[in-house]
Structures are given as structure tokens and as C-alpha cells.
Amino acid sequence: MKTNTGRMRRQTSARNGTPFRLEDFLPYRLSVTSNRVQRLFARHYAQAYGLSIPEWRVLAIVGRFDTLSPSSVGEHSAMDKVKVSRAAASLVARGLLRQNQDPLDGRGRLLRLTRRGMTVYEGMVPLACALESQLAEGLSRAEWNMLLKLLEKLSTHIRGFEQAELIEQDLAAD
């Protein structure tokens, strides 16, 4: 790794004795790739609909599942509560979402698309599919399908870690 003086910086060794290379570290690579994909989509959504990525995600999830609580949106999107809340508030203010009190939980809220929100959602879906197709063109069909399978497998594996950590925390609290 070059420093701002152009020299290579010494790298700390990994456990197996090979040097640690950030650019080969899976979490880093996933993050960089995800950021690049998000910027691509963000440019198109901002240009077509004036939507940020968090707003697009909230709108897409509510469009897909009809009526949801903000916490359910967060679970589906892996977004934190604050980000969901801000995006939902913006979408409500723009008339794309309606927010009502949950009849089963007086403190809870439910989000639902307005007619205008449904129109935007129906326009977003073909745009999202077209952008995804552009991404897929960089891989063969078999590679694309394998990528999707591997991402799902990794995601399932990570959810197992998260659940185990929650159980550990509950046990430690008792």
C-alpha cells in the first residue's frame, strides 16, 4: 500500500502468516462494491424521481409488502431506525407515503403508499430492473445466478451469527 509519499507501507500479518491486504478483505470488497452500486442507482433515482437511496428502499419495501411498520421496513432493508424514520418522514412530506396509527398498537405506526407513491413505485421498478440488467451484463448467466445464490447463503450465515449474539446478550442480561 502506497503512502502519500509513494512508498509502500508495511502490512500487518494475518494469522496464517500472509500479509493482510485490505483490498482482498471480503468485508471491504463488499462495502466498496455496494457503495459503487448504490451511487449508480442513486444517480438514476435522484434524476428520475428525486429520491435518495434510503427513500427508494423504503418506498420499494412498502410497495412490495403493502402496509408495514417502520421497524418492519428496517428489518427487510437492514437499515437502522433513524435512517428509516428520516426517509419515511421525507416520503410522507412529499405525499408518496401515508403514515397512520397502528390499530393494534396505539403507539405504533403503519406506512402505506399513496396513489402518487404507487405511481412512482411502478415507475421505479422497471428502472431498477434495467439497472440490474446492466450490472448482470458483466457476468455470464451462470456467474450471475451463482453470485445471487452465494449472497443469499452468506446472508443466511450472517443472520445465524446475529441471532446467536442476541441470545448471548439476553443470557448475559439475566
Protein backbone atom coordinates (compact mmCIF):
# COMPACT_ATOMS: atom_id res chain seq x y z
CA MET A 1 0.00 0.00 0.00
CA LYS A 2 1.46 3.34 -1.02
CA THR A 3 1.60 6.19 1.44
CA ASN A 4 1.20 9.80 0.38
CA THR A 5 4.98 9.80 -0.15
CA GLY A 6 4.62 6.95 -2.65
CA ARG A 7 6.36 4.33 -0.51
CA MET A 8 4.74 1.03 0.36
CA ARG A 9 3.51 0.83 3.95
CA ARG A 10 4.40 -2.27 5.94
CA GLN A 11 1.39 -4.52 6.34
CA THR A 12 0.50 -6.40 9.47
CA SER A 13 0.49 -10.17 9.04
CA ALA A 14 -2.71 -12.15 9.14
CA ARG A 15 -2.97 -15.25 11.34
CA ASN A 16 -1.75 -17.59 8.62
CA GLY A 17 1.44 -15.58 8.15
CA THR A 18 0.47 -13.89 4.90
CA PRO A 19 0.36 -10.10 4.83
CA PHE A 20 -3.03 -8.51 5.40
CA ARG A 21 -4.21 -6.81 2.24
CA LEU A 22 -7.26 -4.61 2.74
CA GLU A 23 -8.15 -4.81 -0.95
CA ASP A 24 -8.52 -8.62 -0.60
CA PHE A 25 -10.54 -8.46 2.65
CA LEU A 26 -14.11 -9.59 1.90
CA PRO A 27 -15.98 -7.05 4.10
CA TYR A 28 -14.00 -4.23 2.50
CA ARG A 29 -14.63 -5.53 -1.03
CA LEU A 30 -18.35 -5.98 -0.36
CA SER A 31 -18.56 -2.47 1.05
CA VAL A 32 -16.72 -0.85 -1.86
CA THR A 33 -18.77 -2.76 -4.43
CA SER A 34 -22.01 -1.95 -2.60
CA ASN A 35 -21.10 1.74 -2.47
CA ARG A 36 -20.40 1.79 -6.20
CA VAL A 37 -23.70 0.09 -7.00
CA GLN A 38 -25.56 2.45 -4.64
CA ARG A 39 -24.00 5.52 -6.28
CA LEU A 40 -25.05 4.23 -9.72
CA PHE A 41 -28.62 3.66 -8.57
CA ALA A 42 -28.70 6.90 -6.56
CA ARG A 43 -27.83 8.98 -9.63
CA HIS A 44 -30.67 7.42 -11.61
CA TYR A 45 -33.27 7.58 -8.80
CA ALA A 46 -32.35 11.17 -7.98
CA GLN A 47 -32.56 12.17 -11.64
CA ALA A 48 -35.84 10.34 -12.37
CA TYR A 49 -37.69 10.77 -9.06
CA GLY A 50 -35.65 12.97 -6.74
CA LEU A 51 -35.22 10.02 -4.36
CA SER A 52 -32.26 9.20 -2.13
CA ILE A 53 -31.22 5.57 -1.65
CA PRO A 54 -32.90 5.31 1.80
CA GLU A 55 -36.09 6.84 0.38
CA TRP A 56 -36.00 4.45 -2.57
CA ARG A 57 -35.53 1.47 -0.26
CA VAL A 58 -38.42 2.46 2.00
CA LEU A 59 -40.70 3.11 -0.99
CA ALA A 60 -39.69 -0.18 -2.64
CA ILE A 61 -40.25 -2.23 0.51
CA VAL A 62 -43.62 -0.66 1.31
CA GLY A 63 -44.58 -1.11 -2.36
CA ARG A 64 -43.60 -4.77 -2.21
CA PHE A 65 -45.27 -5.61 1.10
CA ASP A 66 -48.19 -3.12 1.09
CA THR A 67 -48.59 -1.90 4.69
CA LEU A 68 -45.67 -2.10 7.11
CA SER A 69 -44.41 -0.63 10.34
CA PRO A 70 -41.18 1.35 10.16
CA SER A 71 -39.47 -1.37 12.21
CA SER A 72 -40.55 -3.99 9.63
CA VAL A 73 -39.12 -1.79 6.88
CA GLY A 74 -35.86 -1.69 8.84
CA GLU A 75 -35.82 -5.48 9.17
CA HIS A 76 -36.42 -6.00 5.45
CA SER A 77 -33.79 -3.44 4.44
CA ALA A 78 -31.18 -3.86 7.19
CA MET A 79 -31.42 -0.08 7.66
CA ASP A 80 -31.24 1.45 11.12
CA LYS A 81 -34.32 3.02 12.71
CA VAL A 82 -33.12 6.59 12.30
CA LYS A 83 -32.48 6.19 8.57
CA VAL A 84 -35.88 4.54 8.05
CA SER A 85 -37.60 7.24 10.11
CA ARG A 86 -35.98 10.10 8.18
CA ALA A 87 -36.69 8.53 4.79
CA ALA A 88 -40.30 7.77 5.75
CA ALA A 89 -40.84 11.32 7.06
CA SER A 90 -39.49 12.74 3.80
CA LEU A 91 -41.72 10.45 1.73
CA VAL A 92 -44.77 11.38 3.84
CA ALA A 93 -43.97 15.08 3.41
CA ARG A 94 -43.72 14.59 -0.37
CA GLY A 95 -47.06 12.77 -0.48
CA LEU A 96 -45.59 9.41 -1.52
CA LEU A 97 -46.37 7.58 1.75
CA ARG A 98 -49.21 7.76 4.19
CA GLN A 99 -48.48 7.14 7.85
CA ASN A 100 -51.30 6.01 10.13
CA GLN A 101 -51.56 4.82 13.69
CA ASP A 102 -51.44 1.04 14.07
CA PRO A 103 -54.92 -0.05 15.22
CA LEU A 104 -53.40 -2.97 17.15
CA ASP A 105 -50.73 -0.86 18.86
CA GLY A 106 -51.67 2.71 19.71
CA ARG A 107 -48.01 3.74 19.83
CA GLY A 108 -47.11 2.06 16.54
CA ARG A 109 -47.27 3.48 13.06
CA LEU A 110 -48.01 1.90 9.71
CA LEU A 111 -46.71 3.03 6.33
CA ARG A 112 -48.60 2.67 3.08
CA LEU A 113 -48.11 4.05 -0.44
CA THR A 114 -50.35 6.89 -1.57
CA ARG A 115 -51.65 6.91 -5.17
CA ARG A 116 -48.78 9.20 -6.07
CA GLY A 117 -46.38 6.85 -4.27
CA MET A 118 -47.78 3.88 -6.18
CA THR A 119 -47.20 5.73 -9.46
CA VAL A 120 -43.58 6.43 -8.51
CA TYR A 121 -43.11 2.82 -7.31
CA GLU A 122 -44.49 1.46 -10.59
CA GLY A 123 -42.02 3.64 -12.49
CA MET A 124 -39.09 2.75 -10.22
CA VAL A 125 -39.39 -0.98 -10.70
CA PRO A 126 -38.57 -1.02 -14.45
CA LEU A 127 -35.70 1.42 -13.82
CA ALA A 128 -34.33 -0.82 -11.06
CA CYS A 129 -34.62 -3.88 -13.29
CA ALA A 130 -32.86 -2.10 -16.17
CA LEU A 131 -30.00 -1.05 -13.90
CA GLU A 132 -29.73 -4.56 -12.50
CA SER A 133 -29.56 -5.91 -16.06
CA GLN A 134 -26.68 -3.55 -16.78
CA LEU A 135 -24.85 -4.95 -13.75
CA ALA A 136 -25.59 -8.53 -14.83
CA GLU A 137 -24.06 -7.90 -18.28
CA GLY A 138 -20.64 -8.01 -16.62
CA LEU A 139 -21.15 -11.69 -15.74
CA SER A 140 -22.30 -14.80 -17.55
CA ARG A 141 -25.79 -16.07 -16.67
CA ALA A 142 -24.23 -18.90 -14.64
CA GLU A 143 -21.95 -16.45 -12.78
CA TRP A 144 -24.89 -14.11 -12.06
CA ASN A 145 -27.02 -16.97 -10.71
CA MET A 146 -24.09 -18.22 -8.62
CA LEU A 147 -23.50 -14.72 -7.25
CA LEU A 148 -27.14 -14.48 -6.16
CA LYS A 149 -27.01 -17.92 -4.53
CA LEU A 150 -23.76 -17.16 -2.73
CA LEU A 151 -25.02 -13.79 -1.47
CA GLU A 152 -28.12 -15.47 -0.07
CA LYS A 153 -26.02 -18.21 1.54
CA LEU A 154 -23.68 -15.63 3.11
CA SER A 155 -26.63 -13.54 4.29
CA THR A 156 -28.24 -16.59 5.93
CA HIS A 157 -24.93 -17.43 7.61
CA ILE A 158 -24.61 -13.87 8.95
CA ARG A 159 -28.19 -13.93 10.29
CA GLY A 160 -27.19 -17.03 12.26
CA PHE A 161 -24.33 -15.08 13.87
CA GLU A 162 -26.65 -12.18 14.66
CA GLN A 163 -29.21 -14.47 16.29
CA ALA A 164 -26.52 -16.20 18.36
CA GLU A 165 -25.22 -12.81 19.53
CA LEU A 166 -28.73 -11.73 20.55
CA ILE A 167 -29.22 -14.93 22.54
CA GLU A 168 -25.85 -14.41 24.23
CA GLN A 169 -26.80 -10.83 25.13
CA ASP A 170 -30.15 -11.97 26.56
CA LEU A 171 -28.45 -14.64 28.65
CA ALA A 172 -25.83 -12.17 29.90
CA ALA A 173 -28.58 -9.70 30.88
CA ASP A 174 -30.35 -12.31 33.03
